[in-house]
Structure formats: C-alpha cells, structure tokens
C-alpha cells in the first residue's frame, strides 16, 4: 500500500538521497506524465513526481550488473 512521505523524507528524496536507507544510487522505472517510478540500489521503490509529495511503494528486486542497476518494477 503506497504511503505519502513526510516533508523531511520527501525533501531527502528530491535531493537524491533515499529516505529509507540513505543510498544515493537510483534506477528509473516506468513513467507517465510528470511521474516516474524510481528505486534505490537497496530496492526501496518510490512514485516520484516533483513538485508533488512522493510516495513510498515498498521494496522490489534490484541487482547490480557491473556499474548498472537493474530493477524489476
């Protein structure tokens, strides 16, 4: 179940820091309109659409392939 981030966590995400684990490495997923699904390297998934408040959507599988991240949205 998606949960809206609080103001502090939303600000962290908009600065490129995962509010759940502190990671600064993200992979983009499906997008539409102004919204993009993103996940950090630890698998924390977010609905991201600045200037709107981001939503945490749980965890997904993310693997590293060399210098790249691959996620299963």
PDB file of N, CA and C in Angstrom:
ATOM      1  N   UNK A   1       0.833  -1.171   0.000  1.00  0.00           N
ATOM      2  CA  UNK A   1       0.000   0.000   0.000  1.00  0.00           C
ATOM      3  C   UNK A   1       0.884   1.243   0.000  1.00  0.00           C
ATOM      4  N   UNK A   2       0.747   2.115  -0.977  1.00  0.00           N
ATOM      5  CA  UNK A   2       1.577   3.321  -1.031  1.00  0.00           C
ATOM      6  C   UNK A   2       1.357   4.221   0.185  1.00  0.00           C
ATOM      7  N   UNK A   3       2.429   4.869   0.618  1.00  0.00           N
ATOM      8  CA  UNK A   3       2.314   5.829   1.713  1.00  0.00           C
ATOM      9  C   UNK A   3       3.015   7.122   1.313  1.00  0.00           C
ATOM     10  N   UNK A   4       2.335   8.252   1.516  1.00  0.00           N
ATOM     11  CA  UNK A   4       2.955   9.545   1.216  1.00  0.00           C
ATOM     12  C   UNK A   4       4.115   9.768   2.179  1.00  0.00           C
ATOM     13  N   UNK A   5       5.204  10.298   1.655  1.00  0.00           N
ATOM     14  CA  UNK A   5       6.344  10.613   2.505  1.00  0.00           C
ATOM     15  C   UNK A   5       6.058  11.871   3.311  1.00  0.00           C
ATOM     16  N   UNK A   6       6.651  11.955   4.497  1.00  0.00           N
ATOM     17  CA  UNK A   6       6.537  13.206   5.245  1.00  0.00           C
ATOM     18  C   UNK A   6       7.432  14.254   4.570  1.00  0.00           C
ATOM     19  N   UNK A   7       7.308  15.491   4.991  1.00  0.00           N
ATOM     20  CA  UNK A   7       8.013  16.597   4.329  1.00  0.00           C
ATOM     21  C   UNK A   7       9.534  16.411   4.346  1.00  0.00           C
ATOM     22  N   UNK A   8      10.068  15.948   5.468  1.00  0.00           N
ATOM     23  CA  UNK A   8      11.518  15.752   5.589  1.00  0.00           C
ATOM     24  C   UNK A   8      12.019  14.660   4.639  1.00  0.00           C
ATOM     25  N   UNK A   9      11.319  13.519   4.608  1.00  0.00           N
ATOM     26  CA  UNK A   9      11.726  12.417   3.737  1.00  0.00           C
ATOM     27  C   UNK A   9      11.550  12.770   2.264  1.00  0.00           C
ATOM     28  N   UNK A  10      10.485  13.521   1.946  1.00  0.00           N
ATOM     29  CA  UNK A  10      10.272  13.951   0.566  1.00  0.00           C
ATOM     30  C   UNK A  10      11.403  14.872   0.113  1.00  0.00           C
ATOM     31  N   UNK A  11      11.853  15.758   0.991  1.00  0.00           N
ATOM     32  CA  UNK A  11      12.962  16.666   0.664  1.00  0.00           C
ATOM     33  C   UNK A  11      14.249  15.879   0.417  1.00  0.00           C
ATOM     34  N   UNK A  12      14.504  14.831   1.226  1.00  0.00           N
ATOM     35  CA  UNK A  12      15.693  13.995   1.023  1.00  0.00           C
ATOM     36  C   UNK A  12      15.649  13.342  -0.350  1.00  0.00           C
ATOM     37  N   UNK A  13      14.494  12.750  -0.691  1.00  0.00           N
ATOM     38  CA  UNK A  13      14.375  12.070  -1.976  1.00  0.00           C
ATOM     39  C   UNK A  13      14.595  13.043  -3.127  1.00  0.00           C
ATOM     40  N   UNK A  14      14.050  14.232  -3.025  1.00  0.00           N
ATOM     41  CA  UNK A  14      14.210  15.238  -4.086  1.00  0.00           C
ATOM     42  C   UNK A  14      15.656  15.718  -4.209  1.00  0.00           C
ATOM     43  N   UNK A  15      16.467  15.501  -3.169  1.00  0.00           N
ATOM     44  CA  UNK A  15      17.904  15.838  -3.220  1.00  0.00           C
ATOM     45  C   UNK A  15      18.741  14.635  -3.652  1.00  0.00           C
ATOM     46  N   UNK A  16      18.069  13.496  -3.960  1.00  0.00           N
ATOM     47  CA  UNK A  16      18.785  12.331  -4.455  1.00  0.00           C
ATOM     48  C   UNK A  16      19.264  11.357  -3.393  1.00  0.00           C
ATOM     49  N   UNK A  17      18.631  11.403  -2.219  1.00  0.00           N
ATOM     50  CA  UNK A  17      19.005  10.506  -1.125  1.00  0.00           C
ATOM     51  C   UNK A  17      17.776   9.684  -0.738  1.00  0.00           C
ATOM     52  N   UNK A  18      17.935   8.367  -0.695  1.00  0.00           N
ATOM     53  CA  UNK A  18      16.824   7.510  -0.293  1.00  0.00           C
ATOM     54  C   UNK A  18      16.505   7.763   1.180  1.00  0.00           C
ATOM     55  N   UNK A  19      15.256   8.134   1.492  1.00  0.00           N
ATOM     56  CA  UNK A  19      14.906   8.386   2.890  1.00  0.00           C
ATOM     57  C   UNK A  19      14.816   7.115   3.738  1.00  0.00           C
ATOM     58  N   UNK A  20      14.814   5.955   3.122  1.00  0.00           N
ATOM     59  CA  UNK A  20      14.722   4.694   3.866  1.00  0.00           C
ATOM     60  C   UNK A  20      16.089   4.137   4.249  1.00  0.00           C
ATOM     61  N   UNK A  21      17.097   4.300   3.361  1.00  0.00           N
ATOM     62  CA  UNK A  21      18.399   3.683   3.644  1.00  0.00           C
ATOM     63  C   UNK A  21      19.600   4.612   3.425  1.00  0.00           C
ATOM     64  N   UNK A  22      19.388   5.794   2.861  1.00  0.00           N
ATOM     65  CA  UNK A  22      20.485   6.735   2.650  1.00  0.00           C
ATOM     66  C   UNK A  22      21.243   6.555   1.343  1.00  0.00           C
ATOM     67  N   UNK A  23      20.843   5.592   0.524  1.00  0.00           N
ATOM     68  CA  UNK A  23      21.512   5.360  -0.760  1.00  0.00           C
ATOM     69  C   UNK A  23      21.371   6.585  -1.669  1.00  0.00           C
ATOM     70  N   UNK A  24      22.374   6.778  -2.509  1.00  0.00           N
ATOM     71  CA  UNK A  24      22.317   7.862  -3.500  1.00  0.00           C
ATOM     72  C   UNK A  24      22.303   7.311  -4.921  1.00  0.00           C
ATOM     73  N   UNK A  25      22.103   6.008  -5.058  1.00  0.00           N
ATOM     74  CA  UNK A  25      22.075   5.360  -6.370  1.00  0.00           C
ATOM     75  C   UNK A  25      20.658   4.874  -6.661  1.00  0.00           C
ATOM     76  N   UNK A  26      20.097   5.363  -7.783  1.00  0.00           N
ATOM     77  CA  UNK A  26      18.721   5.056  -8.153  1.00  0.00           C
ATOM     78  C   UNK A  26      18.638   4.539  -9.575  1.00  0.00           C
ATOM     79  N   UNK A  27      17.576   3.797  -9.850  1.00  0.00           N
ATOM     80  CA  UNK A  27      17.272   3.332 -11.193  1.00  0.00           C
ATOM     81  C   UNK A  27      15.844   3.784 -11.506  1.00  0.00           C
ATOM     82  N   UNK A  28      15.628   4.233 -12.739  1.00  0.00           N
ATOM     83  CA  UNK A  28      14.297   4.667 -13.158  1.00  0.00           C
ATOM     84  C   UNK A  28      13.501   3.489 -13.689  1.00  0.00           C
ATOM     85  N   UNK A  29      12.216   3.550 -13.452  1.00  0.00           N
ATOM     86  CA  UNK A  29      11.302   2.540 -13.963  1.00  0.00           C
ATOM     87  C   UNK A  29      10.269   3.174 -14.874  1.00  0.00           C
ATOM     88  N   UNK A  30       9.090   2.575 -14.931  1.00  0.00           N
ATOM     89  CA  UNK A  30       8.033   3.096 -15.793  1.00  0.00           C
ATOM     90  C   UNK A  30       7.668   4.541 -15.428  1.00  0.00           C
ATOM     91  N   UNK A  31       7.289   5.305 -16.441  1.00  0.00           N
ATOM     92  CA  UNK A  31       6.886   6.687 -16.201  1.00  0.00           C
ATOM     93  C   UNK A  31       5.672   7.029 -17.051  1.00  0.00           C
ATOM     94  N   UNK A  32       5.008   8.093 -16.639  1.00  0.00           N
ATOM     95  CA  UNK A  32       3.850   8.578 -17.376  1.00  0.00           C
ATOM     96  C   UNK A  32       3.534   9.979 -16.921  1.00  0.00           C
ATOM     97  N   UNK A  33       3.271  10.869 -17.858  1.00  0.00           N
ATOM     98  CA  UNK A  33       3.045  12.266 -17.496  1.00  0.00           C
ATOM     99  C   UNK A  33       4.288  12.824 -16.848  1.00  0.00           C
ATOM    100  N   UNK A  34       4.119  13.430 -15.693  1.00  0.00           N
ATOM    101  CA  UNK A  34       5.249  14.001 -14.958  1.00  0.00           C
ATOM    102  C   UNK A  34       5.813  13.035 -13.920  1.00  0.00           C
ATOM    103  N   UNK A  35       5.209  11.866 -13.778  1.00  0.00           N
ATOM    104  CA  UNK A  35       5.606  10.916 -12.730  1.00  0.00           C
ATOM    105  C   UNK A  35       6.561   9.854 -13.259  1.00  0.00           C
ATOM    106  N   UNK A  36       7.486   9.445 -12.381  1.00  0.00           N
ATOM    107  CA  UNK A  36       8.423   8.370 -12.687  1.00  0.00           C
ATOM    108  C   UNK A  36       8.513   7.457 -11.473  1.00  0.00           C
ATOM    109  N   UNK A  37       8.565   6.176 -11.699  1.00  0.00           N
ATOM    110  CA  UNK A  37       8.835   5.227 -10.628  1.00  0.00           C
ATOM    111  C   UNK A  37      10.344   5.080 -10.526  1.00  0.00           C
ATOM    112  N   UNK A  38      10.872   5.181  -9.313  1.00  0.00           N
ATOM    113  CA  UNK A  38      12.307   5.024  -9.091  1.00  0.00           C
ATOM    114  C   UNK A  38      12.518   4.042  -7.940  1.00  0.00           C
ATOM    115  N   UNK A  39      13.695   3.437  -7.922  1.00  0.00           N
ATOM    116  CA  UNK A  39      14.074   2.558  -6.822  1.00  0.00           C
ATOM    117  C   UNK A  39      15.551   2.774  -6.516  1.00  0.00           C
ATOM    118  N   UNK A  40      15.882   2.731  -5.237  1.00  0.00           N
ATOM    119  CA  UNK A  40      17.291   2.847  -4.855  1.00  0.00           C
ATOM    120  C   UNK A  40      17.959   1.485  -5.012  1.00  0.00           C
ATOM    121  N   UNK A  41      19.255   1.432  -4.837  1.00  0.00           N
ATOM    122  CA  UNK A  41      20.001   0.189  -5.020  1.00  0.00           C
ATOM    123  C   UNK A  41      19.616  -0.892  -4.014  1.00  0.00           C
ATOM    124  N   UNK A  42      18.969  -0.518  -2.922  1.00  0.00           N
ATOM    125  CA  UNK A  42      18.517  -1.487  -1.926  1.00  0.00           C
ATOM    126  C   UNK A  42      17.095  -1.980  -2.201  1.00  0.00           C
ATOM    127  N   UNK A  43      16.447  -1.425  -3.245  1.00  0.00           N
ATOM    128  CA  UNK A  43      15.127  -1.890  -3.648  1.00  0.00           C
ATOM    129  C   UNK A  43      13.950  -1.093  -3.120  1.00  0.00           C
ATOM    130  N   UNK A  44      14.203   0.010  -2.438  1.00  0.00           N
ATOM    131  CA  UNK A  44      13.106   0.849  -1.961  1.00  0.00           C
ATOM    132  C   UNK A  44      12.529   1.616  -3.150  1.00  0.00           C
ATOM    133  N   UNK A  45      11.243   1.400  -3.401  1.00  0.00           N
ATOM    134  CA  UNK A  45      10.587   1.949  -4.592  1.00  0.00           C
ATOM    135  C   UNK A  45       9.721   3.155  -4.230  1.00  0.00           C
ATOM    136  N   UNK A  46       9.767   4.158  -5.122  1.00  0.00           N
ATOM    137  CA  UNK A  46       9.009   5.393  -4.890  1.00  0.00           C
ATOM    138  C   UNK A  46       8.300   5.845  -6.164  1.00  0.00           C
ATOM    139  N   UNK A  47       7.145   6.486  -5.986  1.00  0.00           N
ATOM    140  CA  UNK A  47       6.466   7.237  -7.050  1.00  0.00           C
ATOM    141  C   UNK A  47       6.994   8.641  -6.882  1.00  0.00           C
ATOM    142  N   UNK A  48       7.600   9.182  -7.936  1.00  0.00           N
ATOM    143  CA  UNK A  48       8.332  10.445  -7.863  1.00  0.00           C
ATOM    144  C   UNK A  48       7.804  11.386  -8.936  1.00  0.00           C
ATOM    145  N   UNK A  49       7.234  12.522  -8.513  1.00  0.00           N
ATOM    146  CA  UNK A  49       6.655  13.476  -9.467  1.00  0.00           C
ATOM    147  C   UNK A  49       6.719  14.893  -8.903  1.00  0.00           C
ATOM    148  N   UNK A  50       7.933  15.460  -8.801  1.00  0.00           N
ATOM    149  CA  UNK A  50       8.028  16.837  -8.296  1.00  0.00           C
ATOM    150  C   UNK A  50       7.143  17.770  -9.119  1.00  0.00           C
ATOM    151  N   UNK A  51       6.467  18.701  -8.511  1.00  0.00           N
ATOM    152  CA  UNK A  51       6.571  19.158  -7.121  1.00  0.00           C
ATOM    153  C   UNK A  51       5.642  18.434  -6.143  1.00  0.00           C
ATOM    154  N   UNK A  52       4.977  17.374  -6.565  1.00  0.00           N
ATOM    155  CA  UNK A  52       4.056  16.659  -5.682  1.00  0.00           C
ATOM    156  C   UNK A  52       4.817  15.844  -4.641  1.00  0.00           C
ATOM    157  N   UNK A  53       4.150  15.524  -3.541  1.00  0.00           N
ATOM    158  CA  UNK A  53       4.748  14.715  -2.487  1.00  0.00           C
ATOM    159  C   UNK A  53       4.934  13.284  -2.991  1.00  0.00           C
ATOM    160  N   UNK A  54       6.136  12.769  -2.845  1.00  0.00           N
ATOM    161  CA  UNK A  54       6.461  11.414  -3.298  1.00  0.00           C
ATOM    162  C   UNK A  54       5.779  10.379  -2.416  1.00  0.00           C
ATOM    163  N   UNK A  55       5.634   9.165  -2.971  1.00  0.00           N
ATOM    164  CA  UNK A  55       5.037   8.055  -2.224  1.00  0.00           C
ATOM    165  C   UNK A  55       5.996   6.877  -2.178  1.00  0.00           C
ATOM    166  N   UNK A  56       6.089   6.259  -1.001  1.00  0.00           N
ATOM    167  CA  UNK A  56       6.866   5.037  -0.840  1.00  0.00           C
ATOM    168  C   UNK A  56       5.973   3.868  -1.228  1.00  0.00           C
ATOM    169  N   UNK A  57       6.490   2.956  -2.063  1.00  0.00           N
ATOM    170  CA  UNK A  57       5.679   1.850  -2.571  1.00  0.00           C
ATOM    171  C   UNK A  57       6.233   0.480  -2.195  1.00  0.00           C
ATOM    172  N   UNK A  58       7.050   0.407  -1.169  1.00  0.00           N
ATOM    173  CA  UNK A  58       7.584  -0.874  -0.725  1.00  0.00           C
ATOM    174  C   UNK A  58       8.916  -1.201  -1.394  1.00  0.00           C
ATOM    175  N   UNK A  59       9.264  -2.485  -1.384  1.00  0.00           N
ATOM    176  CA  UNK A  59      10.550  -2.889  -1.944  1.00  0.00           C
ATOM    177  C   UNK A  59      10.359  -3.793  -3.158  1.00  0.00           C
ATOM    178  N   UNK A  60      11.339  -3.724  -4.044  1.00  0.00           N
ATOM    179  CA  UNK A  60      11.377  -4.565  -5.237  1.00  0.00           C
ATOM    180  C   UNK A  60      12.775  -5.151  -5.371  1.00  0.00           C
ATOM    181  N   UNK A  61      12.929  -6.055  -6.311  1.00  0.00           N
ATOM    182  CA  UNK A  61      14.231  -6.679  -6.585  1.00  0.00           C
ATOM    183  C   UNK A  61      15.084  -5.743  -7.431  1.00  0.00           C
ATOM    184  N   UNK A  62      16.289  -5.477  -6.960  1.00  0.00           N
ATOM    185  CA  UNK A  62      17.266  -4.671  -7.695  1.00  0.00           C
ATOM    186  C   UNK A  62      18.593  -5.413  -7.657  1.00  0.00           C
ATOM    187  N   UNK A  63      19.234  -5.532  -8.812  1.00  0.00           N
ATOM    188  CA  UNK A  63      20.544  -6.187  -8.901  1.00  0.00           C
ATOM    189  C   UNK A  63      21.530  -5.277  -9.609  1.00  0.00           C
ATOM    190  N   UNK A  64      22.769  -5.442  -9.249  1.00  0.00           N
ATOM    191  CA  UNK A  64      23.846  -4.680  -9.899  1.00  0.00           C
ATOM    192  C   UNK A  64      24.416  -5.529 -11.016  1.00  0.00           C
ATOM    193  N   UNK A  65      24.538  -4.918 -12.202  1.00  0.00           N
ATOM    194  CA  UNK A  65      25.177  -5.564 -13.351  1.00  0.00           C
ATOM    195  C   UNK A  65      26.341  -4.672 -13.767  1.00  0.00           C
ATOM    196  N   UNK A  66      27.529  -4.971 -13.240  1.00  0.00           N
ATOM    197  CA  UNK A  66      28.674  -4.093 -13.471  1.00  0.00           C
ATOM    198  C   UNK A  66      28.424  -2.773 -12.759  1.00  0.00           C
ATOM    199  N   UNK A  67      28.459  -1.678 -13.524  1.00  0.00           N
ATOM    200  CA  UNK A  67      28.207  -0.351 -12.955  1.00  0.00           C
ATOM    201  C   UNK A  67      26.734   0.042 -13.042  1.00  0.00           C
ATOM    202  N   UNK A  68      25.909  -0.823 -13.593  1.00  0.00           N
ATOM    203  CA  UNK A  68      24.490  -0.504 -13.813  1.00  0.00           C
ATOM    204  C   UNK A  68      23.615  -1.206 -12.778  1.00  0.00           C
ATOM    205  N   UNK A  69      22.447  -0.604 -12.512  1.00  0.00           N
ATOM    206  CA  UNK A  69      21.445  -1.234 -11.666  1.00  0.00           C
ATOM    207  C   UNK A  69      20.304  -1.726 -12.547  1.00  0.00           C
ATOM    208  N   UNK A  70      19.770  -2.894 -12.229  1.00  0.00           N
ATOM    209  CA  UNK A  70      18.629  -3.445 -12.943  1.00  0.00           C
ATOM    210  C   UNK A  70      17.539  -3.724 -11.926  1.00  0.00           C
ATOM    211  N   UNK A  71      16.337  -3.225 -12.190  1.00  0.00           N
ATOM    212  CA  UNK A  71      15.234  -3.391 -11.246  1.00  0.00           C
ATOM    213  C   UNK A  71      14.052  -4.072 -11.901  1.00  0.00           C
ATOM    214  N   UNK A  72      13.299  -4.798 -11.095  1.00  0.00           N
ATOM    215  CA  UNK A  72      12.080  -5.458 -11.547  1.00  0.00           C
ATOM    216  C   UNK A  72      10.878  -4.711 -10.987  1.00  0.00           C
ATOM    217  N   UNK A  73      10.364  -3.767 -11.777  1.00  0.00           N
ATOM    218  CA  UNK A  73       9.202  -2.995 -11.351  1.00  0.00           C
ATOM    219  C   UNK A  73       8.003  -3.822 -11.630  1.00  0.00           C
TER     220      UNK A  73
END
